[in-house]
Amino acid sequence: MSKTKTDIIHIFSTPIWTAIVPNYKEINIKMSSYIGSLRSKDPKGKFKSNLSGWHSDNFDLQEAEPLHFANNISKMLNECLVDMGWDLEKNKLKITEMWSIINPKNAANSRHIHSNNFISAAYYVRAPENCGDIVFYDPRSANVIRSPIIKTNNKLNSNIFTITPKEGLLVLFPSYIHHSVKSNESDEERIVISFNINLIY
């Protein structure tokens, strides 16, 4: 008896984009120095989702270093928006805010979202081994109320998804997705740049 061929139609997809940024080593040297200067001026930092880590104030997006960084990732940002089918002639892309988080050993970030934006991002300036994966949670509330015993994890039955940081890695995701960062288990600091993108129409 032959098996019935069943087509799977994926609906209501939740995209996450990842890419290694070209020239990331040069970018990371500049941004590490820039972030270090911000930290020296404000060693206490801000408290948001960070648990024991340092959270900078928002970058001045007119300063040379953030501008250089933004220019180097602009192509990837545009590709993300094109994938979404958004009209780039009628919608103006705007980075609304950009900041850095430094997580030393045992620091983490609690579960949160980035409200009032369309796309959010994490870019890794420093990412030692075991420094804390970023964890994404299924945004479909009904899907997490109950679930059966799973034999094999796959993209159809998973309720969480993790990405391991790498230096130069840019991760883009819809701002509505709940996410957190696991504890840094290394002896080195984990440095990330995060930012939000809005569309003005």
N, C-alpha and C. Protein backbone atom coordinates (compact mmCIF):
# COMPACT_ATOMS: atom_id res chain seq x y z
N MET A 1 0.86 -1.19 0.00
CA MET A 1 0.00 0.00 0.00
C MET A 1 0.89 1.24 0.00
N SER A 2 0.69 2.09 -0.96
CA SER A 2 1.53 3.28 -1.07
C SER A 2 1.07 4.36 -0.08
N LYS A 3 2.04 5.14 0.35
CA LYS A 3 1.76 6.21 1.31
C LYS A 3 1.20 7.43 0.58
N THR A 4 0.19 8.04 1.18
CA THR A 4 -0.40 9.24 0.59
C THR A 4 0.60 10.39 0.66
N LYS A 5 0.79 11.10 -0.43
CA LYS A 5 1.67 12.26 -0.46
C LYS A 5 0.90 13.47 0.04
N THR A 6 1.36 14.04 1.14
CA THR A 6 0.71 15.20 1.74
C THR A 6 1.60 16.42 1.63
N ASP A 7 1.08 17.50 1.10
CA ASP A 7 1.83 18.75 1.03
C ASP A 7 1.68 19.51 2.34
N ILE A 8 2.78 20.06 2.82
CA ILE A 8 2.75 20.92 4.00
C ILE A 8 2.76 22.37 3.54
N ILE A 9 1.76 23.12 3.96
CA ILE A 9 1.69 24.54 3.64
C ILE A 9 2.05 25.32 4.90
N HIS A 10 3.13 26.06 4.86
CA HIS A 10 3.55 26.85 6.02
C HIS A 10 2.84 28.20 5.99
N ILE A 11 2.06 28.49 7.01
CA ILE A 11 1.37 29.78 7.08
C ILE A 11 1.79 30.53 8.35
N PHE A 12 1.60 31.83 8.32
CA PHE A 12 1.92 32.68 9.47
C PHE A 12 3.36 32.46 9.94
N SER A 13 4.28 32.45 8.98
CA SER A 13 5.68 32.19 9.30
C SER A 13 6.29 33.31 10.13
N THR A 14 7.23 32.93 10.99
CA THR A 14 7.98 33.89 11.80
C THR A 14 9.44 33.84 11.35
N PRO A 15 9.89 34.86 10.63
CA PRO A 15 11.25 34.81 10.08
C PRO A 15 12.31 35.30 11.07
N ILE A 16 13.48 34.73 10.96
CA ILE A 16 14.68 35.25 11.63
C ILE A 16 15.78 35.21 10.58
N TRP A 17 16.47 36.34 10.41
CA TRP A 17 17.54 36.43 9.43
C TRP A 17 18.89 36.44 10.16
N THR A 18 19.87 35.75 9.61
CA THR A 18 21.22 35.77 10.17
C THR A 18 22.23 35.95 9.05
N ALA A 19 23.30 36.67 9.35
CA ALA A 19 24.37 36.88 8.36
C ALA A 19 25.63 37.32 9.09
N ILE A 20 26.77 36.88 8.59
CA ILE A 20 28.04 37.41 9.07
C ILE A 20 28.32 38.68 8.28
N VAL A 21 28.52 39.77 8.98
CA VAL A 21 28.72 41.07 8.35
C VAL A 21 30.12 41.14 7.73
N PRO A 22 30.23 41.54 6.46
CA PRO A 22 31.56 41.71 5.86
C PRO A 22 32.38 42.74 6.65
N ASN A 23 33.68 42.53 6.70
CA ASN A 23 34.59 43.45 7.42
C ASN A 23 34.26 43.55 8.91
N TYR A 24 33.70 42.48 9.48
CA TYR A 24 33.27 42.55 10.87
C TYR A 24 34.43 42.77 11.84
N LYS A 25 35.61 42.27 11.50
CA LYS A 25 36.74 42.45 12.41
C LYS A 25 37.09 43.92 12.58
N GLU A 26 37.12 44.64 11.47
CA GLU A 26 37.40 46.09 11.53
C GLU A 26 36.27 46.82 12.26
N ILE A 27 35.02 46.43 11.97
CA ILE A 27 33.86 47.03 12.64
C ILE A 27 33.93 46.79 14.14
N ASN A 28 34.28 45.57 14.53
CA ASN A 28 34.30 45.21 15.95
C ASN A 28 35.37 45.96 16.73
N ILE A 29 36.50 46.22 16.09
CA ILE A 29 37.55 47.01 16.75
C ILE A 29 37.03 48.42 17.04
N LYS A 30 36.41 49.03 16.05
CA LYS A 30 35.89 50.40 16.22
C LYS A 30 34.76 50.44 17.25
N MET A 31 33.83 49.49 17.15
CA MET A 31 32.68 49.52 18.04
C MET A 31 33.05 49.12 19.46
N SER A 32 34.02 48.24 19.62
CA SER A 32 34.47 47.88 20.96
C SER A 32 35.08 49.08 21.66
N SER A 33 35.86 49.86 20.93
CA SER A 33 36.45 51.08 21.50
C SER A 33 35.37 52.10 21.84
N TYR A 34 34.41 52.25 20.94
CA TYR A 34 33.31 53.20 21.16
C TYR A 34 32.49 52.81 22.39
N ILE A 35 32.14 51.54 22.48
CA ILE A 35 31.35 51.06 23.61
C ILE A 35 32.14 51.18 24.91
N GLY A 36 33.43 50.91 24.85
CA GLY A 36 34.27 51.07 26.03
C GLY A 36 34.29 52.49 26.55
N SER A 37 34.29 53.46 25.63
CA SER A 37 34.28 54.87 26.05
C SER A 37 32.96 55.24 26.70
N LEU A 38 31.85 54.68 26.19
CA LEU A 38 30.54 54.92 26.80
C LEU A 38 30.48 54.33 28.20
N ARG A 39 31.07 53.16 28.35
CA ARG A 39 31.05 52.48 29.65
C ARG A 39 31.88 53.24 30.68
N SER A 40 33.00 53.80 30.24
CA SER A 40 33.86 54.56 31.18
C SER A 40 33.17 55.84 31.65
N LYS A 41 32.32 56.41 30.78
CA LYS A 41 31.58 57.63 31.15
C LYS A 41 30.38 57.32 32.04
N ASP A 42 29.84 56.12 31.88
CA ASP A 42 28.63 55.73 32.64
C ASP A 42 28.77 54.28 33.10
N PRO A 43 29.64 54.03 34.09
CA PRO A 43 29.91 52.64 34.51
C PRO A 43 28.70 51.92 35.11
N LYS A 44 27.75 52.66 35.62
CA LYS A 44 26.56 52.03 36.21
C LYS A 44 25.61 51.54 35.12
N GLY A 45 25.46 52.30 34.06
CA GLY A 45 24.59 51.93 32.96
C GLY A 45 23.12 51.98 33.33
N LYS A 46 22.29 51.38 32.46
CA LYS A 46 20.85 51.38 32.66
C LYS A 46 20.39 49.97 33.01
N PHE A 47 19.21 49.87 33.60
CA PHE A 47 18.62 48.55 33.88
C PHE A 47 17.37 48.38 33.04
N LYS A 48 17.39 47.35 32.21
CA LYS A 48 16.20 46.99 31.42
C LYS A 48 15.99 45.49 31.55
N SER A 49 16.39 44.73 30.52
CA SER A 49 16.27 43.27 30.61
C SER A 49 17.53 42.64 31.20
N ASN A 50 18.57 43.45 31.39
CA ASN A 50 19.86 42.91 31.81
C ASN A 50 19.84 42.44 33.26
N LEU A 51 20.39 41.25 33.46
CA LEU A 51 20.53 40.66 34.79
C LEU A 51 22.02 40.59 35.09
N SER A 52 22.50 41.56 35.84
CA SER A 52 23.90 41.69 36.25
C SER A 52 24.81 42.29 35.18
N GLY A 53 24.35 42.39 33.94
CA GLY A 53 25.19 42.97 32.89
C GLY A 53 25.09 44.48 32.84
N TRP A 54 25.92 45.07 31.97
CA TRP A 54 25.92 46.52 31.76
C TRP A 54 25.14 46.86 30.51
N HIS A 55 24.21 47.82 30.60
CA HIS A 55 23.36 48.27 29.50
C HIS A 55 23.65 49.74 29.24
N SER A 56 24.11 50.07 28.04
CA SER A 56 24.43 51.46 27.72
C SER A 56 23.18 52.30 27.54
N ASP A 57 23.37 53.59 27.55
CA ASP A 57 22.32 54.49 27.09
C ASP A 57 22.26 54.36 25.56
N ASN A 58 21.24 54.92 24.94
CA ASN A 58 21.14 54.85 23.48
C ASN A 58 22.31 55.58 22.83
N PHE A 59 22.84 55.00 21.76
CA PHE A 59 23.91 55.64 21.01
C PHE A 59 23.41 56.94 20.38
N ASP A 60 24.33 57.86 20.19
CA ASP A 60 24.06 59.03 19.36
C ASP A 60 24.29 58.58 17.91
N LEU A 61 23.22 58.42 17.16
CA LEU A 61 23.30 57.84 15.83
C LEU A 61 23.96 58.76 14.81
N GLN A 62 24.30 59.99 15.22
CA GLN A 62 25.01 60.90 14.34
C GLN A 62 26.53 60.83 14.54
N GLU A 63 26.96 60.09 15.56
CA GLU A 63 28.40 59.96 15.78
C GLU A 63 29.01 59.01 14.75
N ALA A 64 30.30 59.15 14.53
CA ALA A 64 30.98 58.45 13.43
C ALA A 64 30.88 56.93 13.54
N GLU A 65 31.08 56.39 14.74
CA GLU A 65 31.10 54.92 14.90
C GLU A 65 29.75 54.28 14.64
N PRO A 66 28.65 54.75 15.25
CA PRO A 66 27.34 54.17 14.92
C PRO A 66 26.96 54.34 13.44
N LEU A 67 27.34 55.49 12.85
CA LEU A 67 27.06 55.71 11.44
C LEU A 67 27.81 54.71 10.57
N HIS A 68 29.07 54.48 10.91
CA HIS A 68 29.89 53.51 10.17
C HIS A 68 29.28 52.12 10.27
N PHE A 69 28.87 51.75 11.46
CA PHE A 69 28.24 50.43 11.67
C PHE A 69 26.95 50.31 10.86
N ALA A 70 26.09 51.32 10.95
CA ALA A 70 24.81 51.30 10.25
C ALA A 70 25.01 51.21 8.73
N ASN A 71 25.98 51.92 8.21
CA ASN A 71 26.24 51.89 6.77
C ASN A 71 26.69 50.50 6.32
N ASN A 72 27.43 49.80 7.17
CA ASN A 72 27.96 48.49 6.81
C ASN A 72 26.92 47.37 6.86
N ILE A 73 25.80 47.63 7.53
CA ILE A 73 24.75 46.60 7.60
C ILE A 73 23.52 46.98 6.80
N SER A 74 23.55 48.14 6.14
CA SER A 74 22.35 48.65 5.46
C SER A 74 21.83 47.70 4.38
N LYS A 75 22.74 47.04 3.65
CA LYS A 75 22.31 46.13 2.59
C LYS A 75 21.51 44.97 3.17
N MET A 76 21.97 44.43 4.32
CA MET A 76 21.27 43.32 4.95
C MET A 76 19.91 43.74 5.50
N LEU A 77 19.83 44.97 6.00
CA LEU A 77 18.55 45.48 6.49
C LEU A 77 17.56 45.60 5.34
N ASN A 78 18.02 46.12 4.21
CA ASN A 78 17.13 46.27 3.06
C ASN A 78 16.65 44.92 2.54
N GLU A 79 17.54 43.92 2.53
CA GLU A 79 17.15 42.58 2.08
C GLU A 79 16.06 42.00 2.96
N CYS A 80 16.17 42.25 4.25
CA CYS A 80 15.16 41.78 5.21
C CYS A 80 13.80 42.39 4.90
N LEU A 81 13.78 43.70 4.63
CA LEU A 81 12.52 44.39 4.36
C LEU A 81 11.93 43.95 3.02
N VAL A 82 12.80 43.70 2.03
CA VAL A 82 12.32 43.21 0.73
C VAL A 82 11.69 41.83 0.90
N ASP A 83 12.33 40.96 1.70
CA ASP A 83 11.77 39.63 1.96
C ASP A 83 10.36 39.72 2.53
N MET A 84 10.14 40.74 3.36
CA MET A 84 8.82 40.90 3.97
C MET A 84 7.77 41.45 3.01
N GLY A 85 8.22 41.91 1.84
CA GLY A 85 7.29 42.45 0.86
C GLY A 85 6.81 43.85 1.19
N TRP A 86 7.54 44.54 2.04
CA TRP A 86 7.15 45.91 2.41
C TRP A 86 7.58 46.89 1.32
N ASP A 87 6.77 47.91 1.09
CA ASP A 87 7.02 48.91 0.06
C ASP A 87 8.05 49.91 0.56
N LEU A 88 9.27 49.83 0.04
CA LEU A 88 10.34 50.71 0.51
C LEU A 88 10.27 52.11 -0.09
N GLU A 89 9.38 52.29 -1.06
CA GLU A 89 9.16 53.63 -1.59
C GLU A 89 8.16 54.41 -0.74
N LYS A 90 7.22 53.67 -0.17
CA LYS A 90 6.19 54.33 0.65
C LYS A 90 6.49 54.22 2.15
N ASN A 91 7.44 53.39 2.51
CA ASN A 91 7.84 53.25 3.91
C ASN A 91 9.30 53.65 4.06
N LYS A 92 9.57 54.58 4.93
CA LYS A 92 10.95 55.03 5.15
C LYS A 92 11.53 54.30 6.35
N LEU A 93 12.64 53.60 6.13
CA LEU A 93 13.32 52.87 7.21
C LEU A 93 13.97 53.84 8.17
N LYS A 94 13.80 53.58 9.45
CA LYS A 94 14.43 54.42 10.47
C LYS A 94 14.90 53.56 11.63
N ILE A 95 16.19 53.67 11.95
CA ILE A 95 16.69 53.04 13.18
C ILE A 95 16.29 53.95 14.33
N THR A 96 15.41 53.49 15.16
CA THR A 96 14.86 54.34 16.22
C THR A 96 15.78 54.46 17.42
N GLU A 97 16.54 53.40 17.69
CA GLU A 97 17.46 53.41 18.83
C GLU A 97 18.46 52.28 18.68
N MET A 98 19.63 52.51 19.26
CA MET A 98 20.71 51.53 19.21
C MET A 98 21.48 51.61 20.52
N TRP A 99 21.87 50.47 21.07
CA TRP A 99 22.55 50.43 22.35
C TRP A 99 23.43 49.20 22.43
N SER A 100 24.19 49.10 23.51
CA SER A 100 25.05 47.93 23.71
C SER A 100 24.78 47.32 25.08
N ILE A 101 24.99 46.00 25.17
CA ILE A 101 24.92 45.29 26.44
C ILE A 101 26.19 44.47 26.59
N ILE A 102 26.82 44.59 27.75
CA ILE A 102 28.00 43.80 28.05
C ILE A 102 27.64 42.84 29.19
N ASN A 103 27.73 41.57 28.92
CA ASN A 103 27.44 40.55 29.92
C ASN A 103 28.73 39.87 30.37
N PRO A 104 29.15 40.12 31.59
CA PRO A 104 30.29 39.37 32.14
C PRO A 104 29.84 37.97 32.55
N LYS A 105 30.71 37.23 33.16
CA LYS A 105 30.38 35.86 33.60
C LYS A 105 29.13 35.87 34.47
N ASN A 106 28.22 34.95 34.21
CA ASN A 106 26.96 34.72 34.93
C ASN A 106 25.86 35.75 34.64
N ALA A 107 26.14 36.75 33.81
CA ALA A 107 25.10 37.72 33.46
C ALA A 107 24.20 37.16 32.37
N ALA A 108 22.95 37.64 32.34
CA ALA A 108 21.97 37.16 31.37
C ALA A 108 20.99 38.28 31.07
N ASN A 109 19.99 37.99 30.25
CA ASN A 109 18.92 38.95 29.96
C ASN A 109 17.58 38.24 30.05
N SER A 110 16.65 38.84 30.76
CA SER A 110 15.34 38.23 30.96
C SER A 110 14.49 38.33 29.69
N ARG A 111 13.43 37.56 29.67
CA ARG A 111 12.54 37.51 28.52
C ARG A 111 11.84 38.85 28.32
N HIS A 112 11.81 39.32 27.05
CA HIS A 112 11.20 40.61 26.76
C HIS A 112 10.92 40.73 25.26
N ILE A 113 10.24 41.82 24.87
CA ILE A 113 10.05 42.17 23.47
C ILE A 113 10.49 43.61 23.28
N HIS A 114 10.53 44.06 22.02
CA HIS A 114 10.86 45.45 21.70
C HIS A 114 9.61 46.08 21.07
N SER A 115 8.79 46.68 21.88
CA SER A 115 7.50 47.18 21.42
C SER A 115 7.64 48.41 20.52
N ASN A 116 6.59 48.67 19.74
CA ASN A 116 6.49 49.85 18.87
C ASN A 116 7.56 49.92 17.80
N ASN A 117 8.03 48.77 17.35
CA ASN A 117 8.97 48.69 16.24
C ASN A 117 8.56 47.50 15.36
N PHE A 118 9.16 47.41 14.18
CA PHE A 118 8.86 46.31 13.28
C PHE A 118 9.93 45.22 13.30
N ILE A 119 11.20 45.64 13.26
CA ILE A 119 12.31 44.70 13.24
C ILE A 119 13.30 45.08 14.34
N SER A 120 13.83 44.09 15.03
CA SER A 120 14.87 44.30 16.03
C SER A 120 16.09 43.46 15.67
N ALA A 121 17.21 43.75 16.33
CA ALA A 121 18.45 43.09 15.92
C ALA A 121 19.41 42.91 17.07
N ALA A 122 20.27 41.92 16.89
CA ALA A 122 21.42 41.71 17.79
C ALA A 122 22.65 41.51 16.90
N TYR A 123 23.72 42.22 17.22
CA TYR A 123 24.98 42.08 16.48
C TYR A 123 26.08 41.83 17.50
N TYR A 124 26.93 40.82 17.23
CA TYR A 124 27.90 40.40 18.23
C TYR A 124 29.29 40.96 17.97
N VAL A 125 29.71 41.84 18.88
CA VAL A 125 31.04 42.44 18.83
C VAL A 125 32.06 41.50 19.46
N ARG A 126 31.67 40.87 20.55
CA ARG A 126 32.52 39.87 21.21
C ARG A 126 31.64 38.71 21.65
N ALA A 127 32.04 37.51 21.28
CA ALA A 127 31.22 36.33 21.56
C ALA A 127 32.10 35.12 21.87
N PRO A 128 32.64 35.06 23.07
CA PRO A 128 33.42 33.87 23.44
C PRO A 128 32.54 32.64 23.52
N GLU A 129 33.14 31.49 23.52
CA GLU A 129 32.38 30.24 23.58
C GLU A 129 31.58 30.16 24.89
N ASN A 130 30.35 29.69 24.80
CA ASN A 130 29.46 29.54 25.96
C ASN A 130 29.12 30.87 26.64
N CYS A 131 29.00 31.92 25.82
CA CYS A 131 28.75 33.25 26.39
C CYS A 131 27.26 33.55 26.54
N GLY A 132 26.39 32.66 26.09
CA GLY A 132 24.95 32.87 26.27
C GLY A 132 24.20 32.95 24.95
N ASP A 133 23.49 31.88 24.60
CA ASP A 133 22.68 31.88 23.38
C ASP A 133 21.51 32.85 23.53
N ILE A 134 21.06 33.38 22.41
CA ILE A 134 19.80 34.13 22.40
C ILE A 134 18.67 33.13 22.15
N VAL A 135 17.61 33.25 22.93
CA VAL A 135 16.50 32.29 22.89
C VAL A 135 15.24 33.01 22.42
N PHE A 136 14.59 32.46 21.40
CA PHE A 136 13.33 33.00 20.88
C PHE A 136 12.19 32.07 21.26
N TYR A 137 11.04 32.68 21.57
CA TYR A 137 9.87 31.92 22.03
C TYR A 137 8.73 32.02 21.03
N ASP A 138 8.01 30.93 20.86
CA ASP A 138 6.89 30.87 19.93
C ASP A 138 5.89 32.00 20.24
N PRO A 139 5.63 32.88 19.26
CA PRO A 139 4.70 33.99 19.52
C PRO A 139 3.23 33.61 19.48
N ARG A 140 2.92 32.37 19.10
CA ARG A 140 1.52 31.94 19.01
C ARG A 140 1.07 31.45 20.38
N SER A 141 0.29 32.26 21.06
CA SER A 141 -0.07 31.94 22.45
C SER A 141 -0.83 30.62 22.56
N ALA A 142 -1.70 30.33 21.62
CA ALA A 142 -2.50 29.11 21.70
C ALA A 142 -1.63 27.86 21.58
N ASN A 143 -0.50 27.98 20.90
CA ASN A 143 0.34 26.82 20.65
C ASN A 143 1.13 26.38 21.88
N VAL A 144 1.24 27.25 22.87
CA VAL A 144 2.04 26.91 24.04
C VAL A 144 1.17 26.57 25.26
N ILE A 145 -0.14 26.53 25.09
CA ILE A 145 -1.03 26.19 26.19
C ILE A 145 -0.85 24.73 26.59
N ARG A 146 -0.74 23.85 25.60
CA ARG A 146 -0.50 22.43 25.85
C ARG A 146 0.20 21.83 24.65
N SER A 147 0.95 20.78 24.89
CA SER A 147 1.63 20.11 23.79
C SER A 147 1.82 18.64 24.13
N PRO A 148 1.84 17.78 23.12
CA PRO A 148 2.02 16.34 23.37
C PRO A 148 3.48 16.01 23.64
N ILE A 149 3.72 14.76 24.00
CA ILE A 149 5.10 14.30 24.16
C ILE A 149 5.74 14.23 22.78
N ILE A 150 6.92 14.83 22.65
CA ILE A 150 7.58 14.94 21.35
C ILE A 150 8.64 13.85 21.21
N LYS A 151 8.60 13.14 20.09
CA LYS A 151 9.59 12.11 19.81
C LYS A 151 10.85 12.70 19.22
N THR A 152 10.68 13.60 18.26
CA THR A 152 11.81 14.24 17.59
C THR A 152 11.52 15.72 17.43
N ASN A 153 12.41 16.58 17.91
CA ASN A 153 12.22 18.02 17.75
C ASN A 153 12.44 18.43 16.30
N ASN A 154 11.54 19.27 15.80
CA ASN A 154 11.72 19.84 14.47
C ASN A 154 11.06 21.22 14.43
N LYS A 155 11.12 21.88 13.28
CA LYS A 155 10.63 23.25 13.19
C LYS A 155 9.11 23.35 13.28
N LEU A 156 8.41 22.22 13.18
CA LEU A 156 6.96 22.24 13.30
C LEU A 156 6.48 22.12 14.74
N ASN A 157 7.28 21.50 15.61
CA ASN A 157 6.80 21.27 16.98
C ASN A 157 7.58 22.04 18.04
N SER A 158 8.61 22.79 17.65
CA SER A 158 9.43 23.48 18.64
C SER A 158 8.74 24.76 19.13
N ASN A 159 8.83 25.00 20.42
CA ASN A 159 8.28 26.22 21.01
C ASN A 159 9.35 27.26 21.32
N ILE A 160 10.61 26.84 21.24
CA ILE A 160 11.71 27.78 21.41
C ILE A 160 12.75 27.53 20.33
N PHE A 161 13.54 28.54 20.06
CA PHE A 161 14.61 28.43 19.06
C PHE A 161 15.80 29.23 19.57
N THR A 162 16.98 28.64 19.51
CA THR A 162 18.17 29.33 20.03
C THR A 162 19.19 29.56 18.93
N ILE A 163 19.93 30.65 19.07
CA ILE A 163 21.03 30.96 18.17
C ILE A 163 22.28 31.21 19.01
N THR A 164 23.36 30.55 18.65
CA THR A 164 24.63 30.72 19.36
C THR A 164 25.37 31.91 18.77
N PRO A 165 25.76 32.87 19.60
CA PRO A 165 26.47 34.05 19.10
C PRO A 165 27.81 33.71 18.46
N LYS A 166 28.15 34.48 17.44
CA LYS A 166 29.47 34.45 16.81
C LYS A 166 29.87 35.88 16.53
N GLU A 167 31.13 36.17 16.65
CA GLU A 167 31.58 37.53 16.37
C GLU A 167 31.29 37.88 14.91
N GLY A 168 30.68 39.05 14.71
CA GLY A 168 30.32 39.48 13.37
C GLY A 168 28.95 39.02 12.91
N LEU A 169 28.25 38.25 13.74
CA LEU A 169 26.93 37.74 13.37
C LEU A 169 25.86 38.79 13.63
N LEU A 170 25.03 39.04 12.61
CA LEU A 170 23.88 39.92 12.73
C LEU A 170 22.62 39.06 12.71
N VAL A 171 21.76 39.25 13.71
CA VAL A 171 20.50 38.52 13.80
C VAL A 171 19.37 39.54 13.76
N LEU A 172 18.47 39.38 12.80
CA LEU A 172 17.32 40.26 12.66
C LEU A 172 16.05 39.46 12.90
N PHE A 173 15.08 40.06 13.60
CA PHE A 173 13.85 39.33 13.93
C PHE A 173 12.71 40.32 14.16
N PRO A 174 11.46 39.87 13.98
CA PRO A 174 10.32 40.74 14.26
C PRO A 174 10.32 41.17 15.73
N SER A 175 10.05 42.44 15.94
CA SER A 175 10.15 43.01 17.30
C SER A 175 9.17 42.41 18.29
N TYR A 176 8.11 41.77 17.77
CA TYR A 176 7.10 41.21 18.68
C TYR A 176 7.53 39.88 19.30
N ILE A 177 8.61 39.28 18.82
CA ILE A 177 9.00 37.98 19.35
C ILE A 177 9.63 38.12 20.73
N HIS A 178 9.11 37.37 21.69
CA HIS A 178 9.73 37.31 23.01
C HIS A 178 11.08 36.61 22.90
N HIS A 179 12.07 37.16 23.57
CA HIS A 179 13.40 36.56 23.54
C HIS A 179 14.12 36.84 24.85
N SER A 180 15.13 36.03 25.12
CA SER A 180 15.96 36.20 26.31
C SER A 180 17.37 35.79 25.94
N VAL A 181 18.30 35.97 26.88
CA VAL A 181 19.69 35.57 26.67
C VAL A 181 20.12 34.70 27.84
N LYS A 182 20.67 33.54 27.52
CA LYS A 182 21.13 32.63 28.56
C LYS A 182 22.35 33.21 29.28
N SER A 183 22.62 32.66 30.44
CA SER A 183 23.74 33.12 31.26
C SER A 183 25.07 32.92 30.55
N ASN A 184 25.95 33.91 30.71
CA ASN A 184 27.31 33.82 30.16
C ASN A 184 28.12 32.87 31.05
N GLU A 185 28.47 31.72 30.52
CA GLU A 185 29.22 30.73 31.29
C GLU A 185 30.72 30.79 31.02
N SER A 186 31.14 31.75 30.22
CA SER A 186 32.57 31.90 29.95
C SER A 186 33.18 32.87 30.95
N ASP A 187 34.50 32.99 30.91
CA ASP A 187 35.19 33.93 31.79
C ASP A 187 35.44 35.27 31.11
N GLU A 188 34.96 35.41 29.87
CA GLU A 188 35.13 36.65 29.11
C GLU A 188 33.80 37.35 28.93
N GLU A 189 33.86 38.62 28.62
CA GLU A 189 32.65 39.41 28.43
C GLU A 189 32.03 39.16 27.05
N ARG A 190 30.73 39.16 27.03
CA ARG A 190 29.94 39.06 25.80
C ARG A 190 29.44 40.46 25.47
N ILE A 191 29.76 40.97 24.28
CA ILE A 191 29.37 42.33 23.91
C ILE A 191 28.45 42.27 22.70
N VAL A 192 27.27 42.83 22.85
CA VAL A 192 26.29 42.84 21.76
C VAL A 192 25.82 44.27 21.51
N ILE A 193 25.54 44.56 20.25
CA ILE A 193 24.86 45.80 19.88
C ILE A 193 23.44 45.42 19.47
N SER A 194 22.47 46.09 20.05
CA SER A 194 21.07 45.86 19.69
C SER A 194 20.48 47.13 19.12
N PHE A 195 19.51 46.99 18.24
CA PHE A 195 18.84 48.17 17.71
C PHE A 195 17.45 47.79 17.21
N ASN A 196 16.63 48.82 17.02
CA ASN A 196 15.27 48.64 16.55
C ASN A 196 15.06 49.42 15.26
N ILE A 197 14.20 48.87 14.39
CA ILE A 197 13.88 49.51 13.12
C ILE A 197 12.38 49.75 13.06
N ASN A 198 12.02 50.96 12.69
CA ASN A 198 10.63 51.30 12.47
C ASN A 198 10.46 51.71 11.02
N LEU A 199 9.25 51.68 10.52
CA LEU A 199 8.95 52.15 9.19
C LEU A 199 8.00 53.34 9.30
N ILE A 200 8.41 54.46 8.71
CA ILE A 200 7.60 55.68 8.76
C ILE A 200 6.82 55.76 7.47
N TYR A 201 5.50 55.86 7.57
CA TYR A 201 4.66 55.89 6.36
C TYR A 201 3.55 56.91 6.50
